[in-house]
Each structure stands twice: as structure tokens, then as C-alpha cells.
Amino acid sequence: MHGGRPIPIALLAGALLLAAPASAEVVDARADGFTSHHVSVMPTRPDMVWQALVNWQAWWDPAHSYSEVPGALRLDARAGGALVERWPGGSVEHA
């Protein structure tokens, strides 16, 4: 939220495009997968980036969910919290 208003997705997308060159490296590779480490510097306040990232229902494409219901995803952004999708008649914990 910015001044009590949701942060427009276009603002976040613009900030991502203006970010300093991102770097990434594969830190572990195995036959069944890999681990990568990504770094990018955002030209905006950290609290604005955090609020945009944890506000899943504002930017996640509902076509990539079980319910396909906009706003069904909620992230409890704290230690032990979960990414949960709820819709009439069902729910799932993603992470």
C-alpha cells in the first residue's frame, strides 16, 4: 500500500524494468533440479517492493491457480505463514 492505496502493478513493473542489471548464478546443480541465486537492485523504497510482492492477489494470474478465482490467493507473510488459496467449496495450501 502506498498512502493507503494499493501500489499499481504498472508502477512495480516499471520499477523492475528500471532496476540495475540483475545477476544470477546457479549455486547447486543435480540431476533432479538446481538452486539459483538472483540479485537485483530496485530503484524504489524497500517497503513498497515488499508490499507489492506479498500482495499476491493483485498480480498473480488466476489462470495459474486451482480455482481460477481472482483474489483467491492470500500470503501470510511471516515466519510460519502460508500461501493459501480459498474459493467456495475448496481450498489448498501452496507453500
PDB file of N, CA and C in Angstrom:
ATOM      1  N   MET A   1       0.853  -1.168   0.000  1.00  0.00           N
ATOM      2  CA  MET A   1       0.000   0.000   0.000  1.00  0.00           C
ATOM      3  C   MET A   1       0.899   1.231   0.000  1.00  0.00           C
ATOM      4  N   HIS A   2       0.454   2.213  -0.687  1.00  0.00           N
ATOM      5  CA  HIS A   2       1.185   3.466  -0.771  1.00  0.00           C
ATOM      6  C   HIS A   2       0.210   4.573  -0.420  1.00  0.00           C
ATOM      7  N   GLY A   3       0.383   5.172   0.747  1.00  0.00           N
ATOM      8  CA  GLY A   3      -0.534   6.220   1.170  1.00  0.00           C
ATOM      9  C   GLY A   3      -1.948   5.709   1.317  1.00  0.00           C
ATOM     10  N   GLY A   4      -2.106   4.438   1.729  1.00  0.00           N
ATOM     11  CA  GLY A   4      -3.435   3.869   1.894  1.00  0.00           C
ATOM     12  C   GLY A   4      -4.035   3.316   0.614  1.00  0.00           C
ATOM     13  N   ARG A   5      -3.312   3.442  -0.506  1.00  0.00           N
ATOM     14  CA  ARG A   5      -3.811   2.932  -1.782  1.00  0.00           C
ATOM     15  C   ARG A   5      -2.940   1.770  -2.235  1.00  0.00           C
ATOM     16  N   PRO A   6      -3.517   0.785  -2.946  1.00  0.00           N
ATOM     17  CA  PRO A   6      -2.698  -0.299  -3.482  1.00  0.00           C
ATOM     18  C   PRO A   6      -1.675   0.242  -4.471  1.00  0.00           C
ATOM     19  N   ILE A   7      -0.517  -0.382  -4.518  1.00  0.00           N
ATOM     20  CA  ILE A   7       0.522   0.018  -5.462  1.00  0.00           C
ATOM     21  C   ILE A   7       0.139  -0.508  -6.839  1.00  0.00           C
ATOM     22  N   PRO A   8       0.029   0.360  -7.838  1.00  0.00           N
ATOM     23  CA  PRO A   8      -0.330  -0.103  -9.176  1.00  0.00           C
ATOM     24  C   PRO A   8       0.707  -1.091  -9.703  1.00  0.00           C
ATOM     25  N   ILE A   9       0.229  -2.142 -10.336  1.00  0.00           N
ATOM     26  CA  ILE A   9       1.117  -3.152 -10.898  1.00  0.00           C
ATOM     27  C   ILE A   9       2.045  -2.515 -11.933  1.00  0.00           C
ATOM     28  N   ALA A  10       1.553  -1.555 -12.697  1.00  0.00           N
ATOM     29  CA  ALA A  10       2.390  -0.895 -13.696  1.00  0.00           C
ATOM     30  C   ALA A  10       3.578  -0.201 -13.040  1.00  0.00           C
ATOM     31  N   LEU A  11       3.375   0.355 -11.846  1.00  0.00           N
ATOM     32  CA  LEU A  11       4.467   1.005 -11.125  1.00  0.00           C
ATOM     33  C   LEU A  11       5.529  -0.019 -10.753  1.00  0.00           C
ATOM     34  N   LEU A  12       5.097  -1.151 -10.224  1.00  0.00           N
ATOM     35  CA  LEU A  12       6.053  -2.198  -9.863  1.00  0.00           C
ATOM     36  C   LEU A  12       6.760  -2.721 -11.111  1.00  0.00           C
ATOM     37  N   ALA A  13       6.019  -2.957 -12.180  1.00  0.00           N
ATOM     38  CA  ALA A  13       6.627  -3.462 -13.411  1.00  0.00           C
ATOM     39  C   ALA A  13       7.648  -2.467 -13.952  1.00  0.00           C
ATOM     40  N   GLY A  14       7.312  -1.182 -13.899  1.00  0.00           N
ATOM     41  CA  GLY A  14       8.248  -0.151 -14.346  1.00  0.00           C
ATOM     42  C   GLY A  14       9.506  -0.132 -13.501  1.00  0.00           C
ATOM     43  N   ALA A  15       9.332  -0.297 -12.194  1.00  0.00           N
ATOM     44  CA  ALA A  15      10.492  -0.327 -11.305  1.00  0.00           C
ATOM     45  C   ALA A  15      11.371  -1.528 -11.627  1.00  0.00           C
ATOM     46  N   LEU A  16      10.748  -2.661 -11.931  1.00  0.00           N
ATOM     47  CA  LEU A  16      11.523  -3.851 -12.277  1.00  0.00           C
ATOM     48  C   LEU A  16      12.323  -3.631 -13.556  1.00  0.00           C
ATOM     49  N   LEU A  17      11.721  -2.951 -14.533  1.00  0.00           N
ATOM     50  CA  LEU A  17      12.415  -2.704 -15.789  1.00  0.00           C
ATOM     51  C   LEU A  17      13.573  -1.737 -15.618  1.00  0.00           C
ATOM     52  N   LEU A  18      13.446  -0.812 -14.658  1.00  0.00           N
ATOM     53  CA  LEU A  18      14.491   0.173 -14.421  1.00  0.00           C
ATOM     54  C   LEU A  18      15.545  -0.304 -13.436  1.00  0.00           C
ATOM     55  N   ALA A  19      15.348  -1.477 -12.877  1.00  0.00           N
ATOM     56  CA  ALA A  19      16.286  -1.999 -11.892  1.00  0.00           C
ATOM     57  C   ALA A  19      17.676  -2.140 -12.510  1.00  0.00           C
ATOM     58  N   ALA A  20      18.673  -2.018 -11.652  1.00  0.00           N
ATOM     59  CA  ALA A  20      20.044  -2.223 -12.103  1.00  0.00           C
ATOM     60  C   ALA A  20      20.157  -3.618 -12.698  1.00  0.00           C
ATOM     61  N   PRO A  21      21.129  -3.825 -13.547  1.00  0.00           N
ATOM     62  CA  PRO A  21      21.253  -5.153 -14.152  1.00  0.00           C
ATOM     63  C   PRO A  21      21.226  -6.243 -13.080  1.00  0.00           C
ATOM     64  N   ALA A  22      20.409  -7.221 -13.322  1.00  0.00           N
ATOM     65  CA  ALA A  22      20.277  -8.323 -12.371  1.00  0.00           C
ATOM     66  C   ALA A  22      21.394  -9.325 -12.606  1.00  0.00           C
ATOM     67  N   SER A  23      21.791  -9.978 -11.548  1.00  0.00           N
ATOM     68  CA  SER A  23      22.768 -11.041 -11.694  1.00  0.00           C
ATOM     69  C   SER A  23      22.172 -12.321 -11.130  1.00  0.00           C
ATOM     70  N   ALA A  24      22.591 -13.417 -11.682  1.00  0.00           N
ATOM     71  CA  ALA A  24      22.103 -14.713 -11.210  1.00  0.00           C
ATOM     72  C   ALA A  24      23.218 -15.733 -11.381  1.00  0.00           C
ATOM     73  N   GLU A  25      23.222 -16.699 -10.497  1.00  0.00           N
ATOM     74  CA  GLU A  25      24.177 -17.779 -10.623  1.00  0.00           C
ATOM     75  C   GLU A  25      23.547 -19.068 -10.118  1.00  0.00           C
ATOM     76  N   VAL A  26      23.914 -20.151 -10.724  1.00  0.00           N
ATOM     77  CA  VAL A  26      23.486 -21.462 -10.259  1.00  0.00           C
ATOM     78  C   VAL A  26      24.463 -21.849  -9.156  1.00  0.00           C
ATOM     79  N   VAL A  27      23.945 -22.039  -7.940  1.00  0.00           N
ATOM     80  CA  VAL A  27      24.808 -22.348  -6.807  1.00  0.00           C
ATOM     81  C   VAL A  27      24.846 -23.838  -6.490  1.00  0.00           C
ATOM     82  N   ASP A  28      23.927 -24.612  -7.084  1.00  0.00           N
ATOM     83  CA  ASP A  28      23.891 -26.056  -6.871  1.00  0.00           C
ATOM     84  C   ASP A  28      23.145 -26.681  -8.032  1.00  0.00           C
ATOM     85  N   ALA A  29      23.683 -27.726  -8.622  1.00  0.00           N
ATOM     86  CA  ALA A  29      23.015 -28.411  -9.725  1.00  0.00           C
ATOM     87  C   ALA A  29      23.103 -29.920  -9.510  1.00  0.00           C
ATOM     88  N   ARG A  30      21.955 -30.569  -9.679  1.00  0.00           N
ATOM     89  CA  ARG A  30      21.865 -32.024  -9.538  1.00  0.00           C
ATOM     90  C   ARG A  30      20.979 -32.555 -10.654  1.00  0.00           C
ATOM     91  N   ALA A  31      20.913 -33.869 -10.756  1.00  0.00           N
ATOM     92  CA  ALA A  31      20.098 -34.486 -11.806  1.00  0.00           C
ATOM     93  C   ALA A  31      18.621 -34.151 -11.653  1.00  0.00           C
ATOM     94  N   ASP A  32      18.157 -33.909 -10.419  1.00  0.00           N
ATOM     95  CA  ASP A  32      16.727 -33.664 -10.177  1.00  0.00           C
ATOM     96  C   ASP A  32      16.369 -32.197 -10.009  1.00  0.00           C
ATOM     97  N   GLY A  33      17.314 -31.298 -10.216  1.00  0.00           N
ATOM     98  CA  GLY A  33      16.986 -29.878 -10.104  1.00  0.00           C
ATOM     99  C   GLY A  33      18.214 -29.028  -9.844  1.00  0.00           C
ATOM    100  N   PHE A  34      17.982 -27.759  -9.576  1.00  0.00           N
ATOM    101  CA  PHE A  34      19.086 -26.850  -9.314  1.00  0.00           C
ATOM    102  C   PHE A  34      18.621 -25.743  -8.370  1.00  0.00           C
ATOM    103  N   THR A  35      19.578 -25.048  -7.797  1.00  0.00           N
ATOM    104  CA  THR A  35      19.314 -23.895  -6.936  1.00  0.00           C
ATOM    105  C   THR A  35      20.016 -22.702  -7.559  1.00  0.00           C
ATOM    106  N   SER A  36      19.285 -21.606  -7.708  1.00  0.00           N
ATOM    107  CA  SER A  36      19.911 -20.403  -8.250  1.00  0.00           C
ATOM    108  C   SER A  36      19.773 -19.261  -7.256  1.00  0.00           C
ATOM    109  N   HIS A  37      20.668 -18.313  -7.360  1.00  0.00           N
ATOM    110  CA  HIS A  37      20.676 -17.130  -6.502  1.00  0.00           C
ATOM    111  C   HIS A  37      20.581 -15.921  -7.427  1.00  0.00           C
ATOM    112  N   HIS A  38      19.569 -15.081  -7.211  1.00  0.00           N
ATOM    113  CA  HIS A  38      19.331 -13.913  -8.053  1.00  0.00           C
ATOM    114  C   HIS A  38      19.459 -12.644  -7.220  1.00  0.00           C
ATOM    115  N   VAL A  39      20.044 -11.611  -7.805  1.00  0.00           N
ATOM    116  CA  VAL A  39      20.176 -10.328  -7.134  1.00  0.00           C
ATOM    117  C   VAL A  39      19.761  -9.232  -8.114  1.00  0.00           C
ATOM    118  N   SER A  40      18.951  -8.291  -7.631  1.00  0.00           N
ATOM    119  CA  SER A  40      18.549  -7.149  -8.433  1.00  0.00           C
ATOM    120  C   SER A  40      18.339  -5.960  -7.499  1.00  0.00           C
ATOM    121  N   VAL A  41      18.749  -4.793  -7.917  1.00  0.00           N
ATOM    122  CA  VAL A  41      18.578  -3.586  -7.124  1.00  0.00           C
ATOM    123  C   VAL A  41      17.378  -2.817  -7.671  1.00  0.00           C
ATOM    124  N   MET A  42      16.425  -2.521  -6.792  1.00  0.00           N
ATOM    125  CA  MET A  42      15.210  -1.812  -7.190  1.00  0.00           C
ATOM    126  C   MET A  42      15.348  -0.328  -6.859  1.00  0.00           C
ATOM    127  N   PRO A  43      15.020   0.561  -7.798  1.00  0.00           N
ATOM    128  CA  PRO A  43      15.123   1.997  -7.535  1.00  0.00           C
ATOM    129  C   PRO A  43      13.862   2.540  -6.838  1.00  0.00           C
ATOM    130  N   THR A  44      13.455   1.894  -5.769  1.00  0.00           N
ATOM    131  CA  THR A  44      12.293   2.343  -5.010  1.00  0.00           C
ATOM    132  C   THR A  44      12.467   1.922  -3.561  1.00  0.00           C
ATOM    133  N   ARG A  45      11.574   2.369  -2.714  1.00  0.00           N
ATOM    134  CA  ARG A  45      11.680   2.059  -1.293  1.00  0.00           C
ATOM    135  C   ARG A  45      11.414   0.577  -1.037  1.00  0.00           C
ATOM    136  N   PRO A  46      12.205  -0.038  -0.162  1.00  0.00           N
ATOM    137  CA  PRO A  46      12.018  -1.463   0.146  1.00  0.00           C
ATOM    138  C   PRO A  46      10.609  -1.793   0.636  1.00  0.00           C
ATOM    139  N   ASP A  47       9.982  -0.918   1.411  1.00  0.00           N
ATOM    140  CA  ASP A  47       8.640  -1.219   1.917  1.00  0.00           C
ATOM    141  C   ASP A  47       7.622  -1.285   0.779  1.00  0.00           C
ATOM    142  N   MET A  48       7.805  -0.486  -0.265  1.00  0.00           N
ATOM    143  CA  MET A  48       6.894  -0.529  -1.409  1.00  0.00           C
ATOM    144  C   MET A  48       7.059  -1.839  -2.185  1.00  0.00           C
ATOM    145  N   VAL A  49       8.306  -2.269  -2.362  1.00  0.00           N
ATOM    146  CA  VAL A  49       8.564  -3.527  -3.060  1.00  0.00           C
ATOM    147  C   VAL A  49       7.982  -4.688  -2.257  1.00  0.00           C
ATOM    148  N   TRP A  50       8.219  -4.693  -0.949  1.00  0.00           N
ATOM    149  CA  TRP A  50       7.707  -5.765  -0.088  1.00  0.00           C
ATOM    150  C   TRP A  50       6.181  -5.849  -0.174  1.00  0.00           C
ATOM    151  N   GLN A  51       5.500  -4.722  -0.050  1.00  0.00           N
ATOM    152  CA  GLN A  51       4.039  -4.727  -0.095  1.00  0.00           C
ATOM    153  C   GLN A  51       3.523  -5.244  -1.432  1.00  0.00           C
ATOM    154  N   ALA A  52       4.200  -4.882  -2.514  1.00  0.00           N
ATOM    155  CA  ALA A  52       3.773  -5.375  -3.831  1.00  0.00           C
ATOM    156  C   ALA A  52       4.006  -6.879  -3.954  1.00  0.00           C
ATOM    157  N   LEU A  53       5.118  -7.371  -3.453  1.00  0.00           N
ATOM    158  CA  LEU A  53       5.421  -8.796  -3.562  1.00  0.00           C
ATOM    159  C   LEU A  53       4.482  -9.664  -2.745  1.00  0.00           C
ATOM    160  N   VAL A  54       4.138  -9.235  -1.547  1.00  0.00           N
ATOM    161  CA  VAL A  54       3.298 -10.076  -0.685  1.00  0.00           C
ATOM    162  C   VAL A  54       1.810  -9.949  -1.016  1.00  0.00           C
ATOM    163  N   ASN A  55       1.445  -9.025  -1.875  1.00  0.00           N
ATOM    164  CA  ASN A  55       0.057  -8.832  -2.274  1.00  0.00           C
ATOM    165  C   ASN A  55      -0.240  -9.691  -3.513  1.00  0.00           C
ATOM    166  N   TRP A  56      -0.146 -11.026  -3.345  1.00  0.00           N
ATOM    167  CA  TRP A  56      -0.290 -11.975  -4.447  1.00  0.00           C
ATOM    168  C   TRP A  56      -1.566 -11.775  -5.249  1.00  0.00           C
ATOM    169  N   GLN A  57      -2.674 -11.532  -4.562  1.00  0.00           N
ATOM    170  CA  GLN A  57      -3.951 -11.447  -5.267  1.00  0.00           C
ATOM    171  C   GLN A  57      -3.982 -10.291  -6.256  1.00  0.00           C
ATOM    172  N   ALA A  58      -3.081  -9.328  -6.122  1.00  0.00           N
ATOM    173  CA  ALA A  58      -3.052  -8.182  -7.028  1.00  0.00           C
ATOM    174  C   ALA A  58      -2.304  -8.471  -8.324  1.00  0.00           C
ATOM    175  N   TRP A  59      -1.392  -9.433  -8.321  1.00  0.00           N
ATOM    176  CA  TRP A  59      -0.584  -9.641  -9.517  1.00  0.00           C
ATOM    177  C   TRP A  59      -0.539 -11.075 -10.043  1.00  0.00           C
ATOM    178  N   TRP A  60      -0.925 -12.053  -9.266  1.00  0.00           N
ATOM    179  CA  TRP A  60      -0.856 -13.440  -9.736  1.00  0.00           C
ATOM    180  C   TRP A  60      -1.964 -13.716 -10.747  1.00  0.00           C
ATOM    181  N   ASP A  61      -1.628 -14.348 -11.852  1.00  0.00           N
ATOM    182  CA  ASP A  61      -2.600 -14.684 -12.889  1.00  0.00           C
ATOM    183  C   ASP A  61      -3.480 -15.830 -12.381  1.00  0.00           C
ATOM    184  N   PRO A  62      -4.778 -15.612 -12.202  1.00  0.00           N
ATOM    185  CA  PRO A  62      -5.645 -16.654 -11.664  1.00  0.00           C
ATOM    186  C   PRO A  62      -5.715 -17.900 -12.546  1.00  0.00           C
ATOM    187  N   ALA A  63      -5.307 -17.799 -13.805  1.00  0.00           N
ATOM    188  CA  ALA A  63      -5.280 -18.981 -14.669  1.00  0.00           C
ATOM    189  C   ALA A  63      -4.244 -19.997 -14.185  1.00  0.00           C
ATOM    190  N   HIS A  64      -3.306 -19.542 -13.358  1.00  0.00           N
ATOM    191  CA  HIS A  64      -2.270 -20.416 -12.807  1.00  0.00           C
ATOM    192  C   HIS A  64      -2.600 -20.792 -11.373  1.00  0.00           C
ATOM    193  N   SER A  65      -3.859 -21.050 -11.103  1.00  0.00           N
ATOM    194  CA  SER A  65      -4.299 -21.451  -9.770  1.00  0.00           C
ATOM    195  C   SER A  65      -5.329 -22.569  -9.926  1.00  0.00           C
ATOM    196  N   TYR A  66      -5.640 -23.225  -8.829  1.00  0.00           N
ATOM    197  CA  TYR A  66      -6.640 -24.288  -8.878  1.00  0.00           C
ATOM    198  C   TYR A  66      -8.039 -23.736  -9.134  1.00  0.00           C
ATOM    199  N   SER A  67      -8.359 -22.625  -8.492  1.00  0.00           N
ATOM    200  CA  SER A  67      -9.719 -22.093  -8.552  1.00  0.00           C
ATOM    201  C   SER A  67      -9.978 -21.199  -9.758  1.00  0.00           C
ATOM    202  N   GLU A  68      -8.921 -20.600 -10.309  1.00  0.00           N
ATOM    203  CA  GLU A  68      -9.029 -19.579 -11.342  1.00  0.00           C
ATOM    204  C   GLU A  68      -9.889 -18.401 -10.891  1.00  0.00           C
ATOM    205  N   VAL A  69      -9.913 -18.179  -9.573  1.00  0.00           N
ATOM    206  CA  VAL A  69     -10.682 -17.089  -8.976  1.00  0.00           C
ATOM    207  C   VAL A  69      -9.727 -15.945  -8.635  1.00  0.00           C
ATOM    208  N   PRO A  70      -9.897 -14.765  -9.268  1.00  0.00           N
ATOM    209  CA  PRO A  70      -9.039 -13.635  -8.910  1.00  0.00           C
ATOM    210  C   PRO A  70      -9.176 -13.318  -7.415  1.00  0.00           C
ATOM    211  N   GLY A  71      -8.068 -13.104  -6.772  1.00  0.00           N
ATOM    212  CA  GLY A  71      -8.101 -12.759  -5.361  1.00  0.00           C
ATOM    213  C   GLY A  71      -8.220 -13.933  -4.405  1.00  0.00           C
ATOM    214  N   ALA A  72      -8.200 -15.169  -4.915  1.00  0.00           N
ATOM    215  CA  ALA A  72      -8.348 -16.330  -4.042  1.00  0.00           C
ATOM    216  C   ALA A  72      -7.072 -16.644  -3.269  1.00  0.00           C
ATOM    217  N   LEU A  73      -5.932 -16.128  -3.720  1.00  0.00           N
ATOM    218  CA  LEU A  73      -4.658 -16.395  -3.053  1.00  0.00           C
ATOM    219  C   LEU A  73      -4.376 -15.364  -1.977  1.00  0.00           C
ATOM    220  N   ARG A  74      -3.906 -15.834  -0.839  1.00  0.00           N
ATOM    221  CA  ARG A  74      -3.509 -14.959   0.266  1.00  0.00           C
ATOM    222  C   ARG A  74      -2.199 -15.472   0.827  1.00  0.00           C
ATOM    223  N   LEU A  75      -1.275 -14.559   1.062  1.00  0.00           N
ATOM    224  CA  LEU A  75       0.006 -14.901   1.658  1.00  0.00           C
ATOM    225  C   LEU A  75       0.064 -14.325   3.060  1.00  0.00           C
ATOM    226  N   ASP A  76       0.292 -15.180   4.049  1.00  0.00           N
ATOM    227  CA  ASP A  76       0.531 -14.751   5.420  1.00  0.00           C
ATOM    228  C   ASP A  76       2.041 -14.558   5.525  1.00  0.00           C
ATOM    229  N   ALA A  77       2.498 -13.336   5.251  1.00  0.00           N
ATOM    230  CA  ALA A  77       3.928 -13.036   5.101  1.00  0.00           C
ATOM    231  C   ALA A  77       4.624 -12.879   6.442  1.00  0.00           C
ATOM    232  N   ARG A  78       4.779 -14.003   7.127  1.00  0.00           N
ATOM    233  CA  ARG A  78       5.518 -14.020   8.396  1.00  0.00           C
ATOM    234  C   ARG A  78       6.083 -15.420   8.575  1.00  0.00           C
ATOM    235  N   ALA A  79       7.033 -15.563   9.478  1.00  0.00           N
ATOM    236  CA  ALA A  79       7.612 -16.881   9.738  1.00  0.00           C
ATOM    237  C   ALA A  79       6.497 -17.858  10.095  1.00  0.00           C
ATOM    238  N   GLY A  80       6.467 -18.975   9.416  1.00  0.00           N
ATOM    239  CA  GLY A  80       5.427 -19.970   9.650  1.00  0.00           C
ATOM    240  C   GLY A  80       4.140 -19.704   8.895  1.00  0.00           C
ATOM    241  N   GLY A  81       4.063 -18.588   8.190  1.00  0.00           N
ATOM    242  CA  GLY A  81       2.871 -18.249   7.416  1.00  0.00           C
ATOM    243  C   GLY A  81       2.764 -19.142   6.194  1.00  0.00           C
ATOM    244  N   ALA A  82       1.657 -19.046   5.488  1.00  0.00           N
ATOM    245  CA  ALA A  82       1.420 -19.919   4.340  1.00  0.00           C
ATOM    246  C   ALA A  82       0.829 -19.133   3.176  1.00  0.00           C
ATOM    247  N   LEU A  83       1.009 -19.679   1.984  1.00  0.00           N
ATOM    248  CA  LEU A  83       0.348 -19.182   0.784  1.00  0.00           C
ATOM    249  C   LEU A  83      -0.860 -20.091   0.582  1.00  0.00           C
ATOM    250  N   VAL A  84      -2.056 -19.540   0.763  1.00  0.00           N
ATOM    251  CA  VAL A  84      -3.284 -20.324   0.750  1.00  0.00           C
ATOM    252  C   VAL A  84      -4.219 -19.796  -0.331  1.00  0.00           C
ATOM    253  N   GLU A  85      -4.882 -20.718  -0.985  1.00  0.00           N
ATOM    254  CA  GLU A  85      -5.906 -20.382  -1.974  1.00  0.00           C
ATOM    255  C   GLU A  85      -7.238 -20.921  -1.453  1.00  0.00           C
ATOM    256  N   ARG A  86      -8.231 -20.036  -1.361  1.00  0.00           N
ATOM    257  CA  ARG A  86      -9.563 -20.438  -0.895  1.00  0.00           C
ATOM    258  C   ARG A  86     -10.608 -19.964  -1.891  1.00  0.00           C
ATOM    259  N   TRP A  87     -11.592 -20.812  -2.130  1.00  0.00           N
ATOM    260  CA  TRP A  87     -12.696 -20.476  -3.007  1.00  0.00           C
ATOM    261  C   TRP A  87     -13.922 -21.217  -2.491  1.00  0.00           C
ATOM    262  N   PRO A  88     -15.112 -20.817  -2.895  1.00  0.00           N
ATOM    263  CA  PRO A  88     -16.306 -21.515  -2.422  1.00  0.00           C
ATOM    264  C   PRO A  88     -16.217 -23.013  -2.729  1.00  0.00           C
ATOM    265  N   GLY A  89     -16.253 -23.811  -1.691  1.00  0.00           N
ATOM    266  CA  GLY A  89     -16.202 -25.256  -1.862  1.00  0.00           C
ATOM    267  C   GLY A  89     -14.827 -25.879  -1.842  1.00  0.00           C
ATOM    268  N   GLY A  90     -13.764 -25.094  -1.635  1.00  0.00           N
ATOM    269  CA  GLY A  90     -12.449 -25.704  -1.619  1.00  0.00           C
ATOM    270  C   GLY A  90     -11.342 -24.782  -1.141  1.00  0.00           C
ATOM    271  N   SER A  91     -10.199 -25.372  -0.896  1.00  0.00           N
ATOM    272  CA  SER A  91      -9.006 -24.609  -0.514  1.00  0.00           C
ATOM    273  C   SER A  91      -7.778 -25.487  -0.697  1.00  0.00           C
ATOM    274  N   VAL A  92      -6.625 -24.855  -0.784  1.00  0.00           N
ATOM    275  CA  VAL A  92      -5.347 -25.568  -0.884  1.00  0.00           C
ATOM    276  C   VAL A  92      -4.258 -24.673  -0.302  1.00  0.00           C
ATOM    277  N   GLU A  93      -3.298 -25.297   0.377  1.00  0.00           N
ATOM    278  CA  GLU A  93      -2.114 -24.584   0.859  1.00  0.00           C
ATOM    279  C   GLU A  93      -0.989 -24.865  -0.124  1.00  0.00           C
ATOM    280  N   HIS A  94      -0.508 -23.809  -0.782  1.00  0.00           N
ATOM    281  CA  HIS A  94       0.520 -23.965  -1.796  1.00  0.00           C
ATOM    282  C   HIS A  94       1.915 -24.046  -1.179  1.00  0.00           C
ATOM    283  N   ALA A  95       2.159 -23.261  -0.178  1.00  0.00           N
ATOM    284  CA  ALA A  95       3.510 -23.226   0.420  1.00  0.00           C
ATOM    285  C   ALA A  95       3.409 -22.690   1.834  1.00  0.00           C
TER     286      ALA A  95
END
